[in-house]
Amino acid sequence: MTTATLNSYTERGYLGNLAKAAKTFLRALFAVAPVTASVSHGMASQRSIVRDRDSLWKLARDFDTLSPSQAAELRNIAGRD
């Protein structure tokens, strides 16, 4: 496994902005969210499952006129167990 090291550039030019963006991206990419007890055991709460499904159904209704095939796919995802 290799290790990448990024140096902080203090200049405000293009390379400085690029280095700052790359460093921020890598921090976000490798950030680990804290795991709750219920999720760590593989069991999501029933309330969160229902909320997620309702969100998908609402999003599918919003996509009905814009992209019917995308709306159908969202309904398909919401219908899975």
C-alpha atoms as a PDB file:
ATOM      1  CA  MET A   1       0.000   0.000   0.000  1.00  0.00           C
ATOM      2  CA  THR A   2       1.394   3.372  -0.934  1.00  0.00           C
ATOM      3  CA  THR A   3       1.127   6.562   1.031  1.00  0.00           C
ATOM      4  CA  ALA A   4       0.518   9.915  -0.620  1.00  0.00           C
ATOM      5  CA  THR A   5       1.731  13.110   0.997  1.00  0.00           C
ATOM      6  CA  LEU A   6       0.402  16.501   0.027  1.00  0.00           C
ATOM      7  CA  ASN A   7       2.288  19.645   0.892  1.00  0.00           C
ATOM      8  CA  SER A   8       0.451  22.839   1.749  1.00  0.00           C
ATOM      9  CA  TYR A   9       0.984  25.516  -0.833  1.00  0.00           C
ATOM     10  CA  THR A  10       0.726  29.042   0.457  1.00  0.00           C
ATOM     11  CA  GLU A  11       0.543  30.687  -2.943  1.00  0.00           C
ATOM     12  CA  ARG A  12      -2.846  31.894  -4.126  1.00  0.00           C
ATOM     13  CA  GLY A  13      -2.450  30.954  -7.780  1.00  0.00           C
ATOM     14  CA  TYR A  14      -3.854  28.108  -9.808  1.00  0.00           C
ATOM     15  CA  LEU A  15      -1.571  25.488  -8.256  1.00  0.00           C
ATOM     16  CA  GLY A  16      -2.425  26.648  -4.763  1.00  0.00           C
ATOM     17  CA  ASN A  17      -6.125  26.348  -5.443  1.00  0.00           C
ATOM     18  CA  LEU A  18      -5.632  22.965  -7.099  1.00  0.00           C
ATOM     19  CA  ALA A  19      -3.618  21.646  -4.151  1.00  0.00           C
ATOM     20  CA  LYS A  20      -6.213  22.881  -1.667  1.00  0.00           C
ATOM     21  CA  ALA A  21      -9.032  21.267  -3.668  1.00  0.00           C
ATOM     22  CA  ALA A  22      -7.132  17.973  -3.922  1.00  0.00           C
ATOM     23  CA  LYS A  23      -6.401  17.934  -0.196  1.00  0.00           C
ATOM     24  CA  THR A  24     -10.045  18.673   0.639  1.00  0.00           C
ATOM     25  CA  PHE A  25     -11.215  15.957  -1.763  1.00  0.00           C
ATOM     26  CA  LEU A  26      -8.894  13.356  -0.251  1.00  0.00           C
ATOM     27  CA  ARG A  27      -9.988  14.246   3.280  1.00  0.00           C
ATOM     28  CA  ALA A  28     -13.636  13.858   2.283  1.00  0.00           C
ATOM     29  CA  LEU A  29     -12.926  10.640   0.377  1.00  0.00           C
ATOM     30  CA  PHE A  30     -11.216   8.904   3.273  1.00  0.00           C
ATOM     31  CA  ALA A  31     -13.351  10.334   6.052  1.00  0.00           C
ATOM     32  CA  VAL A  32     -15.149   7.697   8.065  1.00  0.00           C
ATOM     33  CA  ALA A  33     -18.546   8.491   9.488  1.00  0.00           C
ATOM     34  CA  PRO A  34     -19.279   7.275  13.008  1.00  0.00           C
ATOM     35  CA  VAL A  35     -21.317   4.089  13.035  1.00  0.00           C
ATOM     36  CA  THR A  36     -24.378   3.857  15.242  1.00  0.00           C
ATOM     37  CA  ALA A  37     -25.073   0.680  17.184  1.00  0.00           C
ATOM     38  CA  SER A  38     -28.074  -0.363  15.093  1.00  0.00           C
ATOM     39  CA  VAL A  39     -26.305   0.096  11.779  1.00  0.00           C
ATOM     40  CA  SER A  40     -23.164  -1.645  12.986  1.00  0.00           C
ATOM     41  CA  HIS A  41     -25.162  -4.816  13.583  1.00  0.00           C
ATOM     42  CA  GLY A  42     -26.712  -4.652  10.118  1.00  0.00           C
ATOM     43  CA  MET A  43     -30.153  -3.556  11.243  1.00  0.00           C
ATOM     44  CA  ALA A  44     -31.467  -0.203  10.122  1.00  0.00           C
ATOM     45  CA  SER A  45     -34.434   1.124  12.035  1.00  0.00           C
ATOM     46  CA  GLN A  46     -37.854   0.621  10.508  1.00  0.00           C
ATOM     47  CA  ARG A  47     -38.502   4.356  10.709  1.00  0.00           C
ATOM     48  CA  SER A  48     -35.422   5.194   8.610  1.00  0.00           C
ATOM     49  CA  ILE A  49     -36.346   2.573   6.000  1.00  0.00           C
ATOM     50  CA  VAL A  50     -39.859   3.992   5.662  1.00  0.00           C
ATOM     51  CA  ARG A  51     -38.488   7.543   5.503  1.00  0.00           C
ATOM     52  CA  ASP A  52     -36.024   6.563   2.762  1.00  0.00           C
ATOM     53  CA  ARG A  53     -38.728   4.836   0.730  1.00  0.00           C
ATOM     54  CA  ASP A  54     -41.039   7.823   1.073  1.00  0.00           C
ATOM     55  CA  SER A  55     -38.223  10.081  -0.116  1.00  0.00           C
ATOM     56  CA  LEU A  56     -37.681   7.882  -3.173  1.00  0.00           C
ATOM     57  CA  TRP A  57     -41.391   7.882  -3.997  1.00  0.00           C
ATOM     58  CA  LYS A  58     -41.508  11.683  -3.698  1.00  0.00           C
ATOM     59  CA  LEU A  59     -38.451  12.015  -5.908  1.00  0.00           C
ATOM     60  CA  ALA A  60     -40.071   9.691  -8.460  1.00  0.00           C
ATOM     61  CA  ARG A  61     -43.178  11.900  -8.535  1.00  0.00           C
ATOM     62  CA  ASP A  62     -40.951  14.919  -9.184  1.00  0.00           C
ATOM     63  CA  PHE A  63     -39.267  13.110 -12.088  1.00  0.00           C
ATOM     64  CA  ASP A  64     -42.536  11.963 -13.723  1.00  0.00           C
ATOM     65  CA  THR A  65     -42.754  14.846 -16.172  1.00  0.00           C
ATOM     66  CA  LEU A  66     -39.033  15.409 -16.599  1.00  0.00           C
ATOM     67  CA  SER A  67     -37.848  11.839 -17.106  1.00  0.00           C
ATOM     68  CA  PRO A  68     -40.420   9.036 -16.913  1.00  0.00           C
ATOM     69  CA  SER A  69     -37.804   6.287 -17.223  1.00  0.00           C
ATOM     70  CA  GLN A  70     -35.843   7.735 -14.291  1.00  0.00           C
ATOM     71  CA  ALA A  71     -39.062   7.918 -12.270  1.00  0.00           C
ATOM     72  CA  ALA A  72     -39.768   4.258 -13.049  1.00  0.00           C
ATOM     73  CA  GLU A  73     -36.284   3.293 -11.929  1.00  0.00           C
ATOM     74  CA  LEU A  74     -36.698   5.207  -8.660  1.00  0.00           C
ATOM     75  CA  ARG A  75     -40.016   3.431  -8.034  1.00  0.00           C
ATOM     76  CA  ASN A  76     -38.289   0.119  -8.731  1.00  0.00           C
ATOM     77  CA  ILE A  77     -35.582   0.930  -6.170  1.00  0.00           C
ATOM     78  CA  ALA A  78     -38.194   2.044  -3.619  1.00  0.00           C
ATOM     79  CA  GLY A  79     -40.112  -1.213  -4.096  1.00  0.00           C
ATOM     80  CA  ARG A  80     -37.161  -3.443  -3.205  1.00  0.00           C
ATOM     81  CA  ASP A  81     -37.008  -5.079   0.190  1.00  0.00           C
END
